[in-house]
Amino acid sequence: ERALHEQQGFGLGLARATRLTKFNR
């Protein structure tokens, strides 16, 4: 919903957190 809401960043935050969490079992 980028057209509806101003958003900062590239959309990597949750993906990065998920990958770090999986990497740490």
PDB file of all heavy atoms in Angstrom:
ATOM      1  N   GLU A   1       0.817  -1.210   0.000  1.00  0.00           N
ATOM      2  CA  GLU A   1       0.000   0.000   0.000  1.00  0.00           C
ATOM      3  C   GLU A   1       0.853   1.264   0.000  1.00  0.00           C
ATOM      4  O   GLU A   1       0.521   2.264   0.613  1.00  0.00           O
ATOM      5  CB  GLU A   1      -0.965  -0.010   1.191  1.00  0.00           C
ATOM      6  CG  GLU A   1      -1.895  -1.192   1.166  1.00  0.00           C
ATOM      7  CD  GLU A   1      -2.770  -1.277   2.392  1.00  0.00           C
ATOM      8  OE1 GLU A   1      -2.517  -0.565   3.380  1.00  0.00           O
ATOM      9  OE2 GLU A   1      -3.716  -2.072   2.358  1.00  0.00           O
ATOM     10  N   ARG A   2       1.972   1.232  -0.725  1.00  0.00           N
ATOM     11  CA  ARG A   2       2.870   2.399  -0.778  1.00  0.00           C
ATOM     12  C   ARG A   2       2.147   3.619  -1.342  1.00  0.00           C
ATOM     13  O   ARG A   2       2.423   4.746  -0.940  1.00  0.00           O
ATOM     14  CB  ARG A   2       4.113   2.080  -1.589  1.00  0.00           C
ATOM     15  CG  ARG A   2       5.103   3.221  -1.521  1.00  0.00           C
ATOM     16  CD  ARG A   2       6.513   2.763  -1.777  1.00  0.00           C
ATOM     17  NE  ARG A   2       7.409   3.893  -1.615  1.00  0.00           N
ATOM     18  CZ  ARG A   2       8.393   3.940  -0.767  1.00  0.00           C
ATOM     19  NH1 ARG A   2       8.637   2.920   0.004  1.00  0.00           N
ATOM     20  NH2 ARG A   2       9.161   4.989  -0.672  1.00  0.00           N
ATOM     21  N   ALA A   3       1.229   3.437  -2.257  1.00  0.00           N
ATOM     22  CA  ALA A   3       0.493   4.565  -2.827  1.00  0.00           C
ATOM     23  C   ALA A   3      -0.429   5.217  -1.807  1.00  0.00           C
ATOM     24  O   ALA A   3      -0.725   6.399  -1.891  1.00  0.00           O
ATOM     25  CB  ALA A   3      -0.313   4.106  -4.034  1.00  0.00           C
ATOM     26  N   LEU A   4      -0.855   4.446  -0.804  1.00  0.00           N
ATOM     27  CA  LEU A   4      -1.763   4.973   0.213  1.00  0.00           C
ATOM     28  C   LEU A   4      -1.052   5.545   1.429  1.00  0.00           C
ATOM     29  O   LEU A   4      -1.584   6.399   2.122  1.00  0.00           O
ATOM     30  CB  LEU A   4      -2.713   3.858   0.694  1.00  0.00           C
ATOM     31  CG  LEU A   4      -3.631   3.256  -0.352  1.00  0.00           C
ATOM     32  CD1 LEU A   4      -4.399   2.091   0.237  1.00  0.00           C
ATOM     33  CD2 LEU A   4      -4.574   4.314  -0.903  1.00  0.00           C
ATOM     34  N   HIS A   5       0.136   5.027   1.736  1.00  0.00           N
ATOM     35  CA  HIS A   5       0.847   5.394   2.963  1.00  0.00           C
ATOM     36  C   HIS A   5       2.291   5.736   2.633  1.00  0.00           C
ATOM     37  O   HIS A   5       2.967   4.978   1.943  1.00  0.00           O
ATOM     38  CB  HIS A   5       0.845   4.233   3.963  1.00  0.00           C
ATOM     39  CG  HIS A   5      -0.508   3.709   4.275  1.00  0.00           C
ATOM     40  ND1 HIS A   5      -1.376   4.336   5.120  1.00  0.00           N
ATOM     41  CD2 HIS A   5      -1.162   2.602   3.828  1.00  0.00           C
ATOM     42  CE1 HIS A   5      -2.503   3.643   5.197  1.00  0.00           C
ATOM     43  NE2 HIS A   5      -2.397   2.585   4.417  1.00  0.00           N
ATOM     44  N   GLU A   6       2.768   6.851   3.179  1.00  0.00           N
ATOM     45  CA  GLU A   6       4.187   7.200   3.036  1.00  0.00           C
ATOM     46  C   GLU A   6       5.001   6.171   3.800  1.00  0.00           C
ATOM     47  O   GLU A   6       4.716   5.855   4.947  1.00  0.00           O
ATOM     48  CB  GLU A   6       4.461   8.596   3.605  1.00  0.00           C
ATOM     49  CG  GLU A   6       5.919   8.957   3.673  1.00  0.00           C
ATOM     50  CD  GLU A   6       6.661   8.871   2.332  1.00  0.00           C
ATOM     51  OE1 GLU A   6       6.044   9.113   1.284  1.00  0.00           O
ATOM     52  OE2 GLU A   6       7.860   8.559   2.356  1.00  0.00           O
ATOM     53  N   GLN A   7       6.027   5.621   3.158  1.00  0.00           N
ATOM     54  CA  GLN A   7       6.872   4.625   3.797  1.00  0.00           C
ATOM     55  C   GLN A   7       8.328   4.948   3.535  1.00  0.00           C
ATOM     56  O   GLN A   7       8.691   5.311   2.428  1.00  0.00           O
ATOM     57  CB  GLN A   7       6.568   3.218   3.263  1.00  0.00           C
ATOM     58  CG  GLN A   7       5.178   2.746   3.598  1.00  0.00           C
ATOM     59  CD  GLN A   7       4.913   1.367   3.031  1.00  0.00           C
ATOM     60  OE1 GLN A   7       5.799   0.556   2.880  1.00  0.00           O
ATOM     61  NE2 GLN A   7       3.655   1.105   2.719  1.00  0.00           N
ATOM     62  N   GLN A   8       9.128   4.801   4.554  1.00  0.00           N
ATOM     63  CA  GLN A   8      10.562   4.977   4.433  1.00  0.00           C
ATOM     64  C   GLN A   8      11.208   3.616   4.218  1.00  0.00           C
ATOM     65  O   GLN A   8      10.672   2.601   4.614  1.00  0.00           O
ATOM     66  CB  GLN A   8      11.123   5.619   5.707  1.00  0.00           C
ATOM     67  CG  GLN A   8      10.503   6.953   6.046  1.00  0.00           C
ATOM     68  CD  GLN A   8      10.759   8.000   4.996  1.00  0.00           C
ATOM     69  OE1 GLN A   8      11.874   8.140   4.516  1.00  0.00           O
ATOM     70  NE2 GLN A   8       9.719   8.713   4.611  1.00  0.00           N
ATOM     71  N   GLY A   9      12.380   3.590   3.626  1.00  0.00           N
ATOM     72  CA  GLY A   9      13.136   2.359   3.503  1.00  0.00           C
ATOM     73  C   GLY A   9      12.834   1.613   2.218  1.00  0.00           C
ATOM     74  O   GLY A   9      12.124   2.090   1.334  1.00  0.00           O
ATOM     75  N   PHE A  10      13.392   0.406   2.152  1.00  0.00           N
ATOM     76  CA  PHE A  10      13.319  -0.396   0.939  1.00  0.00           C
ATOM     77  C   PHE A  10      12.466  -1.651   1.096  1.00  0.00           C
ATOM     78  O   PHE A  10      12.422  -2.480   0.201  1.00  0.00           O
ATOM     79  CB  PHE A  10      14.737  -0.824   0.517  1.00  0.00           C
ATOM     80  CG  PHE A  10      15.603   0.343   0.158  1.00  0.00           C
ATOM     81  CD1 PHE A  10      16.564   0.789   1.039  1.00  0.00           C
ATOM     82  CD2 PHE A  10      15.443   0.990  -1.052  1.00  0.00           C
ATOM     83  CE1 PHE A  10      17.361   1.879   0.711  1.00  0.00           C
ATOM     84  CE2 PHE A  10      16.237   2.068  -1.385  1.00  0.00           C
ATOM     85  CZ  PHE A  10      17.205   2.521  -0.504  1.00  0.00           C
ATOM     86  N   GLY A  11      11.829  -1.847   2.238  1.00  0.00           N
ATOM     87  CA  GLY A  11      11.027  -3.045   2.428  1.00  0.00           C
ATOM     88  C   GLY A  11      11.845  -4.265   2.824  1.00  0.00           C
ATOM     89  O   GLY A  11      11.412  -5.384   2.630  1.00  0.00           O
ATOM     90  N   LEU A  12      13.017  -4.040   3.379  1.00  0.00           N
ATOM     91  CA  LEU A  12      13.887  -5.150   3.777  1.00  0.00           C
ATOM     92  C   LEU A  12      13.786  -5.497   5.256  1.00  0.00           C
ATOM     93  O   LEU A  12      14.260  -6.541   5.667  1.00  0.00           O
ATOM     94  CB  LEU A  12      15.355  -4.806   3.469  1.00  0.00           C
ATOM     95  CG  LEU A  12      15.773  -4.876   2.023  1.00  0.00           C
ATOM     96  CD1 LEU A  12      17.152  -4.278   1.846  1.00  0.00           C
ATOM     97  CD2 LEU A  12      15.757  -6.308   1.541  1.00  0.00           C
ATOM     98  N   GLY A  13      13.208  -4.641   6.079  1.00  0.00           N
ATOM     99  CA  GLY A  13      13.245  -4.810   7.524  1.00  0.00           C
ATOM    100  C   GLY A  13      12.725  -6.138   8.029  1.00  0.00           C
ATOM    101  O   GLY A  13      13.434  -6.870   8.716  1.00  0.00           O
ATOM    102  N   LEU A  14      11.494  -6.475   7.701  1.00  0.00           N
ATOM    103  CA  LEU A  14      10.915  -7.720   8.199  1.00  0.00           C
ATOM    104  C   LEU A  14      11.591  -8.931   7.568  1.00  0.00           C
ATOM    105  O   LEU A  14      11.817  -9.941   8.237  1.00  0.00           O
ATOM    106  CB  LEU A  14       9.406  -7.742   7.965  1.00  0.00           C
ATOM    107  CG  LEU A  14       8.639  -8.859   8.643  1.00  0.00           C
ATOM    108  CD1 LEU A  14       8.927  -8.921  10.140  1.00  0.00           C
ATOM    109  CD2 LEU A  14       7.153  -8.694   8.401  1.00  0.00           C
ATOM    110  N   ALA A  15      11.972  -8.821   6.297  1.00  0.00           N
ATOM    111  CA  ALA A  15      12.688  -9.923   5.646  1.00  0.00           C
ATOM    112  C   ALA A  15      14.044 -10.146   6.319  1.00  0.00           C
ATOM    113  O   ALA A  15      14.451 -11.283   6.560  1.00  0.00           O
ATOM    114  CB  ALA A  15      12.882  -9.629   4.157  1.00  0.00           C
ATOM    115  N   ARG A  16      14.742  -9.066   6.652  1.00  0.00           N
ATOM    116  CA  ARG A  16      16.039  -9.175   7.322  1.00  0.00           C
ATOM    117  C   ARG A  16      15.867  -9.770   8.720  1.00  0.00           C
ATOM    118  O   ARG A  16      16.627 -10.655   9.118  1.00  0.00           O
ATOM    119  CB  ARG A  16      16.709  -7.801   7.387  1.00  0.00           C
ATOM    120  CG  ARG A  16      18.087  -7.828   7.960  1.00  0.00           C
ATOM    121  CD  ARG A  16      18.825  -6.501   7.875  1.00  0.00           C
ATOM    122  NE  ARG A  16      17.971  -5.344   8.019  1.00  0.00           N
ATOM    123  CZ  ARG A  16      17.998  -4.293   7.199  1.00  0.00           C
ATOM    124  NH1 ARG A  16      18.827  -4.247   6.190  1.00  0.00           N
ATOM    125  NH2 ARG A  16      17.195  -3.270   7.404  1.00  0.00           N
ATOM    126  N   ALA A  17      14.863  -9.307   9.457  1.00  0.00           N
ATOM    127  CA  ALA A  17      14.609  -9.850  10.800  1.00  0.00           C
ATOM    128  C   ALA A  17      14.257 -11.335  10.730  1.00  0.00           C
ATOM    129  O   ALA A  17      14.722 -12.126  11.549  1.00  0.00           O
ATOM    130  CB  ALA A  17      13.483  -9.070  11.482  1.00  0.00           C
ATOM    131  N   THR A  18      13.463 -11.717   9.738  1.00  0.00           N
ATOM    132  CA  THR A  18      13.086 -13.124   9.572  1.00  0.00           C
ATOM    133  C   THR A  18      14.306 -13.971   9.265  1.00  0.00           C
ATOM    134  O   THR A  18      14.503 -15.042   9.846  1.00  0.00           O
ATOM    135  CB  THR A  18      12.026 -13.263   8.468  1.00  0.00           C
ATOM    136  OG1 THR A  18      10.871 -12.508   8.851  1.00  0.00           O
ATOM    137  CG2 THR A  18      11.635 -14.712   8.258  1.00  0.00           C
ATOM    138  N   ARG A  19      15.151 -13.502   8.350  1.00  0.00           N
ATOM    139  CA  ARG A  19      16.349 -14.261   7.972  1.00  0.00           C
ATOM    140  C   ARG A  19      17.308 -14.375   9.160  1.00  0.00           C
ATOM    141  O   ARG A  19      17.848 -15.448   9.417  1.00  0.00           O
ATOM    142  CB  ARG A  19      17.032 -13.608   6.771  1.00  0.00           C
ATOM    143  CG  ARG A  19      18.319 -14.285   6.356  1.00  0.00           C
ATOM    144  CD  ARG A  19      18.191 -15.758   6.084  1.00  0.00           C
ATOM    145  NE  ARG A  19      17.569 -15.996   4.817  1.00  0.00           N
ATOM    146  CZ  ARG A  19      17.092 -17.160   4.449  1.00  0.00           C
ATOM    147  NH1 ARG A  19      17.166 -18.202   5.250  1.00  0.00           N
ATOM    148  NH2 ARG A  19      16.524 -17.319   3.289  1.00  0.00           N
ATOM    149  N   LEU A  20      17.525 -13.287   9.907  1.00  0.00           N
ATOM    150  CA  LEU A  20      18.401 -13.339  11.089  1.00  0.00           C
ATOM    151  C   LEU A  20      17.854 -14.303  12.130  1.00  0.00           C
ATOM    152  O   LEU A  20      18.600 -15.056  12.758  1.00  0.00           O
ATOM    153  CB  LEU A  20      18.551 -11.948  11.720  1.00  0.00           C
ATOM    154  CG  LEU A  20      19.650 -11.066  11.193  1.00  0.00           C
ATOM    155  CD1 LEU A  20      19.503  -9.645  11.746  1.00  0.00           C
ATOM    156  CD2 LEU A  20      21.016 -11.618  11.530  1.00  0.00           C
ATOM    157  N   THR A  21      16.541 -14.291  12.312  1.00  0.00           N
ATOM    158  CA  THR A  21      15.917 -15.191  13.282  1.00  0.00           C
ATOM    159  C   THR A  21      16.101 -16.641  12.851  1.00  0.00           C
ATOM    160  O   THR A  21      16.503 -17.492  13.656  1.00  0.00           O
ATOM    161  CB  THR A  21      14.425 -14.852  13.443  1.00  0.00           C
ATOM    162  OG1 THR A  21      14.311 -13.492  13.890  1.00  0.00           O
ATOM    163  CG2 THR A  21      13.762 -15.766  14.454  1.00  0.00           C
ATOM    164  N   LYS A  22      15.839 -16.946  11.598  1.00  0.00           N
ATOM    165  CA  LYS A  22      16.016 -18.314  11.088  1.00  0.00           C
ATOM    166  C   LYS A  22      17.474 -18.740  11.183  1.00  0.00           C
ATOM    167  O   LYS A  22      17.766 -19.883  11.513  1.00  0.00           O
ATOM    168  CB  LYS A  22      15.532 -18.417   9.645  1.00  0.00           C
ATOM    169  CG  LYS A  22      14.040 -18.413   9.510  1.00  0.00           C
ATOM    170  CD  LYS A  22      13.620 -18.540   8.055  1.00  0.00           C
ATOM    171  CE  LYS A  22      12.110 -18.518   7.935  1.00  0.00           C
ATOM    172  NZ  LYS A  22      11.672 -18.595   6.537  1.00  0.00           N
ATOM    173  N   PHE A  23      18.376 -17.827  10.868  1.00  0.00           N
ATOM    174  CA  PHE A  23      19.803 -18.122  10.926  1.00  0.00           C
ATOM    175  C   PHE A  23      20.217 -18.523  12.339  1.00  0.00           C
ATOM    176  O   PHE A  23      21.132 -19.306  12.524  1.00  0.00           O
ATOM    177  CB  PHE A  23      20.587 -16.885  10.466  1.00  0.00           C
ATOM    178  CG  PHE A  23      22.004 -17.158  10.076  1.00  0.00           C
ATOM    179  CD1 PHE A  23      22.293 -17.778   8.870  1.00  0.00           C
ATOM    180  CD2 PHE A  23      23.045 -16.793  10.899  1.00  0.00           C
ATOM    181  CE1 PHE A  23      23.610 -18.024   8.492  1.00  0.00           C
ATOM    182  CE2 PHE A  23      24.357 -17.030  10.532  1.00  0.00           C
ATOM    183  CZ  PHE A  23      24.638 -17.653   9.330  1.00  0.00           C
ATOM    184  N   ASN A  24      19.518 -17.993  13.340  1.00  0.00           N
ATOM    185  CA  ASN A  24      19.797 -18.291  14.750  1.00  0.00           C
ATOM    186  C   ASN A  24      18.817 -19.313  15.315  1.00  0.00           C
ATOM    187  O   ASN A  24      18.486 -19.292  16.492  1.00  0.00           O
ATOM    188  CB  ASN A  24      19.789 -16.996  15.560  1.00  0.00           C
ATOM    189  CG  ASN A  24      21.020 -16.167  15.307  1.00  0.00           C
ATOM    190  OD1 ASN A  24      22.086 -16.490  15.803  1.00  0.00           O
ATOM    191  ND2 ASN A  24      20.892 -15.113  14.516  1.00  0.00           N
ATOM    192  N   ARG A  25      18.346 -20.212  14.464  1.00  0.00           N
ATOM    193  CA  ARG A  25      17.472 -21.325  14.842  1.00  0.00           C
ATOM    194  C   ARG A  25      16.161 -20.872  15.466  1.00  0.00           C
ATOM    195  O   ARG A  25      15.686 -21.444  16.444  1.00  0.00           O
ATOM    196  CB  ARG A  25      18.209 -22.291  15.763  1.00  0.00           C
ATOM    197  CG  ARG A  25      19.349 -23.004  15.089  1.00  0.00           C
ATOM    198  CD  ARG A  25      20.044 -23.929  16.042  1.00  0.00           C
ATOM    199  NE  ARG A  25      20.594 -23.189  17.166  1.00  0.00           N
ATOM    200  CZ  ARG A  25      21.884 -23.032  17.395  1.00  0.00           C
ATOM    201  NH1 ARG A  25      22.752 -23.592  16.621  1.00  0.00           N
ATOM    202  NH2 ARG A  25      22.306 -22.335  18.428  1.00  0.00           N
TER     203      ARG A  25
END
